[in-house]
Amino acid sequence: MGRKAQFTKNQFVDAALKLAAEQGPGAITMGSIAGQINAPIGSVYHRFASREILLAELWLRLVESFQQGFLEALDQGDGLQAALHTLNWVRKHPNEGRVLLLYRREELTSGEWPDEIKERARQLTQELDKGLRKFTRRLFGRVTKKSLIRITFTLIDVPYAAVRRHLQAGRLPPVSVDELVRKTYLAILGRYL
């Protein structure tokens, strides 16, 4: 009978999140992750074959967490709530927001991912595309390149830009930013509502 594992996958992913949020992706090594929770380095390698796989797991967890509420708002036909979701999610999850919105996926992880991780990433991308297309069709009656660009700009690009500069400065976006996102949303999409 084997020993019960003392450290879980989630503990290692949480440690990587904390390091990335506080010091950036460059601070993340298998040793620094182990040190963060006082685990033997072998325990990290027991759960994750490589740094890239651990960071891929972190990235996927962040995207899944963020995307869930965003897609729920779109599915309900509430584009404004989808646009505001970025601000609300970052306020509830500041470390996650820093890592997801300040660093590109390529800065966190590179190398070849196992098929299971590739499939999860593909599904997330597919779900986002499906949600944006469904909302675009609902609002405009059909999906065109121009309407999809308009939706993506309004629901993703504007909130991302509004949040990112505050995160770079080490602070959360003030509530006053919500009104600016709301006004931008109405200015761009108001006549279609």
N, C-alpha and C. Protein backbone atom coordinates (compact mmCIF):
# COMPACT_ATOMS: atom_id res chain seq x y z
N MET A 1 0.85 -1.18 0.00
CA MET A 1 0.00 0.00 0.00
C MET A 1 0.89 1.24 0.00
N GLY A 2 0.67 2.14 -0.94
CA GLY A 2 1.47 3.35 -1.08
C GLY A 2 1.09 4.41 -0.06
N ARG A 3 1.99 5.35 0.09
CA ARG A 3 1.71 6.47 1.00
C ARG A 3 0.72 7.43 0.36
N LYS A 4 -0.07 8.05 1.20
CA LYS A 4 -0.99 9.07 0.72
C LYS A 4 -0.18 10.31 0.32
N ALA A 5 -0.49 10.86 -0.83
CA ALA A 5 0.24 12.04 -1.31
C ALA A 5 0.01 13.20 -0.34
N GLN A 6 1.09 13.87 0.00
CA GLN A 6 1.01 14.98 0.94
C GLN A 6 0.62 16.28 0.23
N PHE A 7 0.96 16.38 -1.06
CA PHE A 7 0.70 17.60 -1.82
C PHE A 7 -0.15 17.28 -3.04
N THR A 8 -1.10 18.15 -3.33
CA THR A 8 -2.00 17.93 -4.47
C THR A 8 -1.55 18.73 -5.68
N LYS A 9 -2.10 18.35 -6.82
CA LYS A 9 -1.83 19.11 -8.04
C LYS A 9 -2.22 20.57 -7.86
N ASN A 10 -3.39 20.77 -7.25
CA ASN A 10 -3.88 22.15 -7.07
C ASN A 10 -2.95 22.99 -6.22
N GLN A 11 -2.32 22.39 -5.23
CA GLN A 11 -1.38 23.15 -4.40
C GLN A 11 -0.20 23.65 -5.24
N PHE A 12 0.28 22.81 -6.14
CA PHE A 12 1.40 23.21 -6.99
C PHE A 12 0.97 24.28 -8.00
N VAL A 13 -0.23 24.13 -8.55
CA VAL A 13 -0.74 25.13 -9.50
C VAL A 13 -0.97 26.46 -8.77
N ASP A 14 -1.50 26.38 -7.56
CA ASP A 14 -1.70 27.60 -6.76
C ASP A 14 -0.37 28.30 -6.47
N ALA A 15 0.66 27.50 -6.17
CA ALA A 15 1.98 28.08 -5.91
C ALA A 15 2.53 28.76 -7.16
N ALA A 16 2.33 28.12 -8.32
CA ALA A 16 2.79 28.73 -9.58
C ALA A 16 2.03 30.03 -9.86
N LEU A 17 0.74 30.04 -9.57
CA LEU A 17 -0.06 31.25 -9.73
C LEU A 17 0.47 32.39 -8.87
N LYS A 18 0.74 32.09 -7.63
CA LYS A 18 1.24 33.11 -6.71
C LYS A 18 2.58 33.67 -7.20
N LEU A 19 3.48 32.80 -7.61
CA LEU A 19 4.78 33.24 -8.12
C LEU A 19 4.62 34.10 -9.37
N ALA A 20 3.78 33.65 -10.29
CA ALA A 20 3.59 34.39 -11.54
C ALA A 20 2.96 35.75 -11.27
N ALA A 21 1.98 35.80 -10.38
CA ALA A 21 1.30 37.07 -10.07
C ALA A 21 2.24 38.06 -9.40
N GLU A 22 3.10 37.56 -8.53
CA GLU A 22 3.98 38.45 -7.76
C GLU A 22 5.28 38.80 -8.48
N GLN A 23 5.84 37.84 -9.23
CA GLN A 23 7.17 38.05 -9.79
C GLN A 23 7.26 37.83 -11.30
N GLY A 24 6.19 37.37 -11.93
CA GLY A 24 6.21 37.10 -13.35
C GLY A 24 6.58 35.67 -13.66
N PRO A 25 6.31 35.22 -14.87
CA PRO A 25 6.53 33.83 -15.25
C PRO A 25 7.98 33.37 -15.10
N GLY A 26 8.92 34.28 -15.26
CA GLY A 26 10.33 33.91 -15.15
C GLY A 26 10.72 33.39 -13.78
N ALA A 27 9.94 33.71 -12.77
CA ALA A 27 10.24 33.27 -11.40
C ALA A 27 9.81 31.83 -11.15
N ILE A 28 9.09 31.27 -12.10
CA ILE A 28 8.54 29.94 -11.89
C ILE A 28 9.52 28.87 -12.36
N THR A 29 10.00 28.12 -11.39
CA THR A 29 10.79 26.92 -11.66
C THR A 29 10.18 25.81 -10.82
N MET A 30 10.55 24.59 -11.10
CA MET A 30 10.03 23.49 -10.29
C MET A 30 10.52 23.68 -8.84
N GLY A 31 11.73 24.17 -8.68
CA GLY A 31 12.27 24.41 -7.35
C GLY A 31 11.55 25.51 -6.61
N SER A 32 11.24 26.60 -7.32
CA SER A 32 10.54 27.70 -6.64
C SER A 32 9.12 27.31 -6.28
N ILE A 33 8.49 26.49 -7.10
CA ILE A 33 7.14 26.01 -6.79
C ILE A 33 7.18 25.13 -5.54
N ALA A 34 8.14 24.22 -5.50
CA ALA A 34 8.29 23.35 -4.33
C ALA A 34 8.57 24.19 -3.09
N GLY A 35 9.45 25.17 -3.21
CA GLY A 35 9.79 26.02 -2.09
C GLY A 35 8.61 26.84 -1.59
N GLN A 36 7.73 27.21 -2.47
CA GLN A 36 6.56 28.02 -2.11
C GLN A 36 5.69 27.31 -1.08
N ILE A 37 5.61 25.98 -1.17
CA ILE A 37 4.74 25.24 -0.24
C ILE A 37 5.54 24.24 0.61
N ASN A 38 6.86 24.43 0.65
CA ASN A 38 7.74 23.56 1.44
C ASN A 38 7.58 22.08 1.09
N ALA A 39 7.55 21.81 -0.19
CA ALA A 39 7.44 20.43 -0.67
C ALA A 39 8.78 19.99 -1.25
N PRO A 40 9.07 18.72 -1.20
CA PRO A 40 10.27 18.24 -1.89
C PRO A 40 10.08 18.40 -3.40
N ILE A 41 11.15 18.73 -4.10
CA ILE A 41 11.03 18.96 -5.54
C ILE A 41 10.53 17.72 -6.26
N GLY A 42 10.85 16.56 -5.73
CA GLY A 42 10.37 15.32 -6.33
C GLY A 42 8.85 15.22 -6.33
N SER A 43 8.21 15.84 -5.35
CA SER A 43 6.74 15.84 -5.29
C SER A 43 6.15 16.61 -6.46
N VAL A 44 6.83 17.68 -6.87
CA VAL A 44 6.34 18.45 -8.01
C VAL A 44 6.45 17.59 -9.27
N TYR A 45 7.60 16.98 -9.45
CA TYR A 45 7.80 16.13 -10.63
C TYR A 45 6.90 14.89 -10.61
N HIS A 46 6.51 14.46 -9.43
CA HIS A 46 5.59 13.33 -9.34
C HIS A 46 4.22 13.69 -9.93
N ARG A 47 3.81 14.93 -9.74
CA ARG A 47 2.51 15.39 -10.24
C ARG A 47 2.56 15.93 -11.67
N PHE A 48 3.70 16.55 -12.01
CA PHE A 48 3.85 17.17 -13.33
C PHE A 48 5.19 16.76 -13.93
N ALA A 49 5.16 16.25 -15.13
CA ALA A 49 6.38 15.77 -15.77
C ALA A 49 7.36 16.90 -16.09
N SER A 50 6.82 18.12 -16.25
CA SER A 50 7.70 19.25 -16.61
C SER A 50 7.07 20.56 -16.17
N ARG A 51 7.88 21.59 -16.17
CA ARG A 51 7.43 22.95 -15.87
C ARG A 51 6.37 23.37 -16.88
N GLU A 52 6.58 23.04 -18.15
CA GLU A 52 5.64 23.43 -19.21
C GLU A 52 4.25 22.84 -18.97
N ILE A 53 4.21 21.60 -18.53
CA ILE A 53 2.91 20.96 -18.29
C ILE A 53 2.22 21.61 -17.09
N LEU A 54 2.97 21.90 -16.04
CA LEU A 54 2.39 22.57 -14.88
C LEU A 54 1.86 23.94 -15.27
N LEU A 55 2.62 24.69 -16.06
CA LEU A 55 2.17 26.02 -16.46
C LEU A 55 1.01 25.96 -17.46
N ALA A 56 1.00 24.92 -18.28
CA ALA A 56 -0.15 24.73 -19.17
C ALA A 56 -1.41 24.50 -18.33
N GLU A 57 -1.27 23.71 -17.28
CA GLU A 57 -2.39 23.47 -16.38
C GLU A 57 -2.85 24.77 -15.72
N LEU A 58 -1.91 25.59 -15.31
CA LEU A 58 -2.24 26.90 -14.73
C LEU A 58 -3.00 27.75 -15.74
N TRP A 59 -2.47 27.85 -16.94
CA TRP A 59 -3.10 28.69 -17.97
C TRP A 59 -4.51 28.21 -18.28
N LEU A 60 -4.68 26.89 -18.44
CA LEU A 60 -6.01 26.35 -18.74
C LEU A 60 -6.98 26.62 -17.59
N ARG A 61 -6.51 26.48 -16.37
CA ARG A 61 -7.38 26.74 -15.21
C ARG A 61 -7.85 28.19 -15.19
N LEU A 62 -6.94 29.12 -15.50
CA LEU A 62 -7.31 30.53 -15.52
C LEU A 62 -8.32 30.82 -16.62
N VAL A 63 -8.07 30.31 -17.79
CA VAL A 63 -8.99 30.55 -18.92
C VAL A 63 -10.36 29.95 -18.62
N GLU A 64 -10.38 28.73 -18.10
CA GLU A 64 -11.67 28.09 -17.77
C GLU A 64 -12.43 28.91 -16.74
N SER A 65 -11.74 29.38 -15.72
CA SER A 65 -12.38 30.19 -14.68
C SER A 65 -12.96 31.47 -15.26
N PHE A 66 -12.16 32.17 -16.05
CA PHE A 66 -12.63 33.43 -16.63
C PHE A 66 -13.76 33.20 -17.62
N GLN A 67 -13.55 32.26 -18.50
CA GLN A 67 -14.45 32.09 -19.63
C GLN A 67 -15.84 31.63 -19.21
N GLN A 68 -15.94 30.93 -18.10
CA GLN A 68 -17.23 30.40 -17.67
C GLN A 68 -18.28 31.52 -17.53
N GLY A 69 -17.98 32.54 -16.75
CA GLY A 69 -18.93 33.63 -16.54
C GLY A 69 -19.16 34.46 -17.80
N PHE A 70 -18.11 34.64 -18.58
CA PHE A 70 -18.23 35.40 -19.82
C PHE A 70 -19.21 34.70 -20.77
N LEU A 71 -19.04 33.39 -20.93
CA LEU A 71 -19.92 32.64 -21.84
C LEU A 71 -21.34 32.53 -21.30
N GLU A 72 -21.49 32.45 -19.98
CA GLU A 72 -22.84 32.43 -19.40
C GLU A 72 -23.59 33.71 -19.73
N ALA A 73 -22.91 34.84 -19.62
CA ALA A 73 -23.55 36.12 -19.95
C ALA A 73 -23.94 36.16 -21.43
N LEU A 74 -23.04 35.70 -22.29
CA LEU A 74 -23.35 35.67 -23.72
C LEU A 74 -24.53 34.76 -24.02
N ASP A 75 -24.55 33.60 -23.37
CA ASP A 75 -25.62 32.63 -23.60
C ASP A 75 -26.97 33.20 -23.19
N GLN A 76 -26.96 34.06 -22.19
CA GLN A 76 -28.20 34.70 -21.75
C GLN A 76 -28.55 35.93 -22.60
N GLY A 77 -27.69 36.22 -23.57
CA GLY A 77 -27.94 37.36 -24.44
C GLY A 77 -27.59 38.69 -23.81
N ASP A 78 -26.81 38.68 -22.73
CA ASP A 78 -26.47 39.90 -22.02
C ASP A 78 -25.04 40.33 -22.36
N GLY A 79 -24.91 41.01 -23.47
CA GLY A 79 -23.60 41.45 -23.94
C GLY A 79 -22.94 42.44 -23.00
N LEU A 80 -23.72 43.31 -22.40
CA LEU A 80 -23.15 44.28 -21.47
C LEU A 80 -22.54 43.56 -20.27
N GLN A 81 -23.25 42.56 -19.74
CA GLN A 81 -22.70 41.81 -18.62
C GLN A 81 -21.45 41.06 -19.03
N ALA A 82 -21.40 40.57 -20.25
CA ALA A 82 -20.20 39.90 -20.77
C ALA A 82 -19.04 40.89 -20.81
N ALA A 83 -19.31 42.10 -21.27
CA ALA A 83 -18.26 43.13 -21.34
C ALA A 83 -17.77 43.50 -19.95
N LEU A 84 -18.67 43.57 -18.99
CA LEU A 84 -18.30 43.93 -17.62
C LEU A 84 -17.69 42.75 -16.85
N HIS A 85 -17.85 41.57 -17.38
CA HIS A 85 -17.34 40.37 -16.70
C HIS A 85 -15.83 40.46 -16.45
N THR A 86 -15.09 40.97 -17.40
CA THR A 86 -13.64 41.06 -17.23
C THR A 86 -13.30 41.87 -15.98
N LEU A 87 -13.92 43.02 -15.81
CA LEU A 87 -13.65 43.86 -14.65
C LEU A 87 -14.06 43.18 -13.36
N ASN A 88 -15.24 42.58 -13.35
CA ASN A 88 -15.74 41.92 -12.15
C ASN A 88 -14.89 40.71 -11.77
N TRP A 89 -14.50 39.92 -12.78
CA TRP A 89 -13.70 38.73 -12.52
C TRP A 89 -12.33 39.11 -11.96
N VAL A 90 -11.72 40.14 -12.53
CA VAL A 90 -10.41 40.57 -12.06
C VAL A 90 -10.50 41.06 -10.61
N ARG A 91 -11.56 41.75 -10.27
CA ARG A 91 -11.70 42.23 -8.89
C ARG A 91 -11.87 41.06 -7.91
N LYS A 92 -12.55 40.01 -8.34
CA LYS A 92 -12.73 38.84 -7.48
C LYS A 92 -11.50 37.94 -7.46
N HIS A 93 -10.73 37.97 -8.54
CA HIS A 93 -9.58 37.07 -8.69
C HIS A 93 -8.36 37.89 -9.14
N PRO A 94 -7.82 38.74 -8.27
CA PRO A 94 -6.74 39.63 -8.71
C PRO A 94 -5.47 38.92 -9.16
N ASN A 95 -5.04 37.89 -8.47
CA ASN A 95 -3.84 37.18 -8.92
C ASN A 95 -4.07 36.50 -10.26
N GLU A 96 -5.21 35.85 -10.38
CA GLU A 96 -5.55 35.19 -11.64
C GLU A 96 -5.62 36.21 -12.77
N GLY A 97 -6.24 37.36 -12.48
CA GLY A 97 -6.34 38.41 -13.49
C GLY A 97 -4.99 38.92 -13.93
N ARG A 98 -4.09 39.13 -12.98
CA ARG A 98 -2.73 39.60 -13.32
C ARG A 98 -2.06 38.63 -14.29
N VAL A 99 -2.13 37.36 -13.97
CA VAL A 99 -1.43 36.37 -14.80
C VAL A 99 -2.11 36.22 -16.16
N LEU A 100 -3.42 36.10 -16.17
CA LEU A 100 -4.13 35.88 -17.43
C LEU A 100 -4.07 37.08 -18.36
N LEU A 101 -4.16 38.28 -17.80
CA LEU A 101 -4.27 39.46 -18.66
C LEU A 101 -2.95 40.19 -18.89
N LEU A 102 -1.94 39.92 -18.09
CA LEU A 102 -0.66 40.60 -18.30
C LEU A 102 0.34 39.78 -19.10
N TYR A 103 0.14 38.46 -19.13
CA TYR A 103 1.10 37.60 -19.82
C TYR A 103 0.42 36.80 -20.91
N ARG A 104 1.12 36.68 -22.02
CA ARG A 104 0.63 35.84 -23.10
C ARG A 104 0.87 34.38 -22.74
N ARG A 105 0.09 33.53 -23.32
CA ARG A 105 0.25 32.09 -23.09
C ARG A 105 1.69 31.66 -23.37
N GLU A 106 2.28 32.21 -24.41
CA GLU A 106 3.65 31.84 -24.79
C GLU A 106 4.68 32.26 -23.75
N GLU A 107 4.37 33.27 -22.95
CA GLU A 107 5.27 33.69 -21.89
C GLU A 107 5.22 32.73 -20.70
N LEU A 108 4.10 32.08 -20.56
CA LEU A 108 3.96 31.13 -19.46
C LEU A 108 4.50 29.76 -19.82
N THR A 109 4.19 29.32 -20.99
CA THR A 109 4.53 27.94 -21.33
C THR A 109 4.88 27.82 -22.80
N SER A 110 5.76 26.93 -23.07
CA SER A 110 6.13 26.63 -24.45
C SER A 110 6.37 25.12 -24.53
N GLY A 111 6.85 24.70 -25.64
CA GLY A 111 7.11 23.27 -25.77
C GLY A 111 5.86 22.51 -26.15
N GLU A 112 6.02 21.24 -26.27
CA GLU A 112 4.93 20.36 -26.71
C GLU A 112 4.04 19.99 -25.54
N TRP A 113 2.74 20.16 -25.71
CA TRP A 113 1.78 19.79 -24.69
C TRP A 113 1.30 18.36 -24.95
N PRO A 114 0.97 17.64 -23.90
CA PRO A 114 0.35 16.33 -24.10
C PRO A 114 -1.00 16.50 -24.80
N ASP A 115 -1.45 15.45 -25.45
CA ASP A 115 -2.70 15.51 -26.21
C ASP A 115 -3.89 15.96 -25.38
N GLU A 116 -3.96 15.52 -24.13
CA GLU A 116 -5.09 15.89 -23.27
C GLU A 116 -5.14 17.40 -23.05
N ILE A 117 -3.99 18.02 -22.83
CA ILE A 117 -3.93 19.46 -22.60
C ILE A 117 -4.24 20.21 -23.89
N LYS A 118 -3.71 19.72 -25.00
CA LYS A 118 -4.02 20.34 -26.30
C LYS A 118 -5.52 20.31 -26.57
N GLU A 119 -6.15 19.20 -26.24
CA GLU A 119 -7.59 19.06 -26.47
C GLU A 119 -8.38 20.03 -25.59
N ARG A 120 -8.00 20.18 -24.34
CA ARG A 120 -8.68 21.15 -23.47
C ARG A 120 -8.54 22.57 -24.00
N ALA A 121 -7.35 22.92 -24.46
CA ALA A 121 -7.12 24.26 -25.03
C ALA A 121 -7.96 24.45 -26.29
N ARG A 122 -8.03 23.43 -27.12
CA ARG A 122 -8.82 23.51 -28.35
C ARG A 122 -10.31 23.69 -28.01
N GLN A 123 -10.79 22.96 -27.01
CA GLN A 123 -12.19 23.08 -26.61
C GLN A 123 -12.51 24.47 -26.08
N LEU A 124 -11.60 25.03 -25.30
CA LEU A 124 -11.83 26.38 -24.78
C LEU A 124 -11.92 27.40 -25.91
N THR A 125 -11.03 27.28 -26.87
CA THR A 125 -11.06 28.19 -28.02
C THR A 125 -12.35 28.01 -28.81
N GLN A 126 -12.73 26.78 -28.98
CA GLN A 126 -13.96 26.47 -29.73
C GLN A 126 -15.20 27.00 -29.01
N GLU A 127 -15.24 26.84 -27.69
CA GLU A 127 -16.38 27.34 -26.90
C GLU A 127 -16.48 28.86 -26.98
N LEU A 128 -15.35 29.55 -26.92
CA LEU A 128 -15.36 31.00 -27.02
C LEU A 128 -15.85 31.44 -28.40
N ASP A 129 -15.34 30.83 -29.43
CA ASP A 129 -15.77 31.16 -30.79
C ASP A 129 -17.26 30.90 -30.97
N LYS A 130 -17.72 29.79 -30.48
CA LYS A 130 -19.15 29.45 -30.58
C LYS A 130 -20.01 30.47 -29.84
N GLY A 131 -19.60 30.85 -28.63
CA GLY A 131 -20.35 31.83 -27.85
C GLY A 131 -20.40 33.19 -28.52
N LEU A 132 -19.27 33.64 -29.05
CA LEU A 132 -19.23 34.94 -29.75
C LEU A 132 -20.09 34.91 -31.00
N ARG A 133 -20.02 33.81 -31.74
CA ARG A 133 -20.82 33.69 -32.97
C ARG A 133 -22.32 33.65 -32.66
N LYS A 134 -22.69 32.91 -31.63
CA LYS A 134 -24.10 32.82 -31.25
C LYS A 134 -24.64 34.19 -30.84
N PHE A 135 -23.86 34.92 -30.04
CA PHE A 135 -24.29 36.25 -29.62
C PHE A 135 -24.35 37.20 -30.82
N THR A 136 -23.37 37.12 -31.69
CA THR A 136 -23.35 37.97 -32.90
C THR A 136 -24.59 37.70 -33.75
N ARG A 137 -24.91 36.44 -33.93
CA ARG A 137 -26.10 36.08 -34.73
C ARG A 137 -27.36 36.61 -34.06
N ARG A 138 -27.42 36.50 -32.75
CA ARG A 138 -28.59 36.97 -32.00
C ARG A 138 -28.76 38.48 -32.17
N LEU A 139 -27.65 39.22 -32.12
CA LEU A 139 -27.71 40.67 -32.18
C LEU A 139 -27.90 41.21 -33.60
N PHE A 140 -27.17 40.62 -34.54
CA PHE A 140 -27.17 41.14 -35.92
C PHE A 140 -28.01 40.32 -36.89
N GLY A 141 -28.47 39.17 -36.47
CA GLY A 141 -29.25 38.32 -37.36
C GLY A 141 -28.41 37.37 -38.20
N ARG A 142 -27.13 37.65 -38.29
CA ARG A 142 -26.21 36.78 -39.01
C ARG A 142 -24.79 37.11 -38.56
N VAL A 143 -23.87 36.23 -38.92
CA VAL A 143 -22.47 36.43 -38.55
C VAL A 143 -21.68 36.80 -39.80
N THR A 144 -21.09 37.97 -39.76
CA THR A 144 -20.19 38.40 -40.84
C THR A 144 -18.84 38.72 -40.20
N LYS A 145 -17.84 38.85 -41.02
CA LYS A 145 -16.52 39.20 -40.50
C LYS A 145 -16.60 40.55 -39.77
N LYS A 146 -17.30 41.50 -40.35
CA LYS A 146 -17.41 42.83 -39.77
C LYS A 146 -18.16 42.81 -38.43
N SER A 147 -19.26 42.06 -38.36
CA SER A 147 -20.03 42.01 -37.11
C SER A 147 -19.26 41.28 -36.02
N LEU A 148 -18.51 40.25 -36.37
CA LEU A 148 -17.71 39.53 -35.40
C LEU A 148 -16.56 40.39 -34.86
N ILE A 149 -15.98 41.19 -35.72
CA ILE A 149 -14.93 42.13 -35.29
C ILE A 149 -15.53 43.15 -34.32
N ARG A 150 -16.70 43.64 -34.61
CA ARG A 150 -17.38 44.62 -33.75
C ARG A 150 -17.67 44.02 -32.37
N ILE A 151 -18.18 42.80 -32.35
CA ILE A 151 -18.49 42.13 -31.09
C ILE A 151 -17.22 41.86 -30.30
N THR A 152 -16.19 41.34 -30.94
CA THR A 152 -14.93 41.03 -30.27
C THR A 152 -14.30 42.29 -29.70
N PHE A 153 -14.31 43.36 -30.45
CA PHE A 153 -13.75 44.63 -29.97
C PHE A 153 -14.50 45.11 -28.73
N THR A 154 -15.82 45.08 -28.79
CA THR A 154 -16.65 45.62 -27.71
C THR A 154 -16.62 44.76 -26.45
N LEU A 155 -16.68 43.44 -26.62
CA LEU A 155 -16.80 42.56 -25.47
C LEU A 155 -15.46 42.06 -24.92
N ILE A 156 -14.43 42.08 -25.74
CA ILE A 156 -13.13 41.56 -25.30
C ILE A 156 -12.06 42.64 -25.27
N ASP A 157 -11.86 43.31 -26.40
CA ASP A 157 -10.74 44.25 -26.49
C ASP A 157 -10.87 45.46 -25.57
N VAL A 158 -12.04 46.05 -25.52
CA VAL A 158 -12.24 47.24 -24.68
C VAL A 158 -12.07 46.91 -23.19
N PRO A 159 -12.77 45.88 -22.68
CA PRO A 159 -12.57 45.57 -21.26
C PRO A 159 -11.14 45.16 -20.93
N TYR A 160 -10.51 44.43 -21.82
CA TYR A 160 -9.12 44.01 -21.62
C TYR A 160 -8.21 45.23 -21.48
N ALA A 161 -8.36 46.19 -22.39
CA ALA A 161 -7.54 47.41 -22.33
C ALA A 161 -7.86 48.21 -21.07
N ALA A 162 -9.12 48.25 -20.68
CA ALA A 162 -9.51 49.02 -19.50
C ALA A 162 -8.92 48.45 -18.22
N VAL A 163 -8.76 47.14 -18.17
CA VAL A 163 -8.26 46.47 -16.97
C VAL A 163 -6.74 46.40 -16.96
N ARG A 164 -6.15 46.15 -18.10
CA ARG A 164 -4.72 45.84 -18.18
C ARG A 164 -3.83 46.94 -17.60
N ARG A 165 -4.10 48.18 -17.92
CA ARG A 165 -3.21 49.24 -17.43
C ARG A 165 -3.26 49.38 -15.92
N HIS A 166 -4.41 49.08 -15.32
CA HIS A 166 -4.50 49.12 -13.85
C HIS A 166 -3.72 47.95 -13.24
N LEU A 167 -3.83 46.78 -13.85
CA LEU A 167 -3.09 45.62 -13.37
C LEU A 167 -1.58 45.85 -13.49
N GLN A 168 -1.16 46.47 -14.58
CA GLN A 168 0.26 46.77 -14.76
C GLN A 168 0.76 47.71 -13.66
N ALA A 169 -0.10 48.58 -13.20
CA ALA A 169 0.27 49.52 -12.14
C ALA A 169 0.12 48.89 -10.74
N GLY A 170 -0.29 47.63 -10.71
CA GLY A 170 -0.40 46.93 -9.43
C GLY A 170 -1.67 47.22 -8.66
N ARG A 171 -2.71 47.64 -9.35
CA ARG A 171 -3.96 47.93 -8.66
C ARG A 171 -5.14 47.36 -9.44
N LEU A 172 -6.26 47.26 -8.78
CA LEU A 172 -7.48 46.79 -9.43
C LEU A 172 -8.15 47.96 -10.14
N PRO A 173 -8.91 47.68 -11.19
CA PRO A 173 -9.59 48.77 -11.88
C PRO A 173 -10.65 49.40 -10.98
N PRO A 174 -10.70 50.73 -10.92
CA PRO A 174 -11.73 51.39 -10.10
C PRO A 174 -13.12 51.15 -10.71
N VAL A 175 -14.11 51.25 -9.87
CA VAL A 175 -15.49 51.03 -10.32
C VAL A 175 -15.89 52.02 -11.42
N SER A 176 -15.26 53.18 -11.44
CA SER A 176 -15.59 54.18 -12.48
C SER A 176 -15.31 53.67 -13.89
N VAL A 177 -14.44 52.69 -14.01
CA VAL A 177 -14.13 52.12 -15.33
C VAL A 177 -15.34 51.37 -15.89
N ASP A 178 -16.16 50.82 -15.00
CA ASP A 178 -17.36 50.10 -15.45
C ASP A 178 -18.25 51.01 -16.31
N GLU A 179 -18.40 52.25 -15.87
CA GLU A 179 -19.25 53.18 -16.62
C GLU A 179 -18.66 53.47 -18.00
N LEU A 180 -17.36 53.54 -18.08
CA LEU A 180 -16.71 53.78 -19.38
C LEU A 180 -16.90 52.59 -20.32
N VAL A 181 -16.80 51.39 -19.78
CA VAL A 181 -17.04 50.18 -20.58
C VAL A 181 -18.51 50.15 -21.02
N ARG A 182 -19.41 50.49 -20.11
CA ARG A 182 -20.84 50.52 -20.42
C ARG A 182 -21.13 51.54 -21.54
N LYS A 183 -20.56 52.73 -21.42
CA LYS A 183 -20.79 53.76 -22.46
C LYS A 183 -20.22 53.33 -23.80
N THR A 184 -19.06 52.70 -23.78
CA THR A 184 -18.46 52.22 -25.02
C THR A 184 -19.34 51.14 -25.64
N TYR A 185 -19.83 50.24 -24.81
CA TYR A 185 -20.72 49.17 -25.28
C TYR A 185 -21.95 49.76 -25.98
N LEU A 186 -22.58 50.72 -25.32
CA LEU A 186 -23.78 51.34 -25.90
C LEU A 186 -23.46 52.16 -27.14
N ALA A 187 -22.33 52.82 -27.16
CA ALA A 187 -21.94 53.61 -28.33
C ALA A 187 -21.72 52.72 -29.56
N ILE A 188 -21.16 51.56 -29.35
CA ILE A 188 -20.85 50.68 -30.48
C ILE A 188 -22.03 49.78 -30.85
N LEU A 189 -22.73 49.26 -29.85
CA LEU A 189 -23.76 48.29 -30.13
C LEU A 189 -25.19 48.77 -29.82
N GLY A 190 -25.33 49.96 -29.24
CA GLY A 190 -26.63 50.45 -28.80
C GLY A 190 -27.71 50.41 -29.85
N ARG A 191 -27.40 50.77 -31.07
CA ARG A 191 -28.46 50.81 -32.10
C ARG A 191 -28.93 49.43 -32.54
N TYR A 192 -28.18 48.37 -32.14
CA TYR A 192 -28.57 47.01 -32.50
C TYR A 192 -29.34 46.31 -31.38
N LEU A 193 -29.42 46.97 -30.21
CA LEU A 193 -30.06 46.33 -29.05
C LEU A 193 -31.56 46.44 -29.12
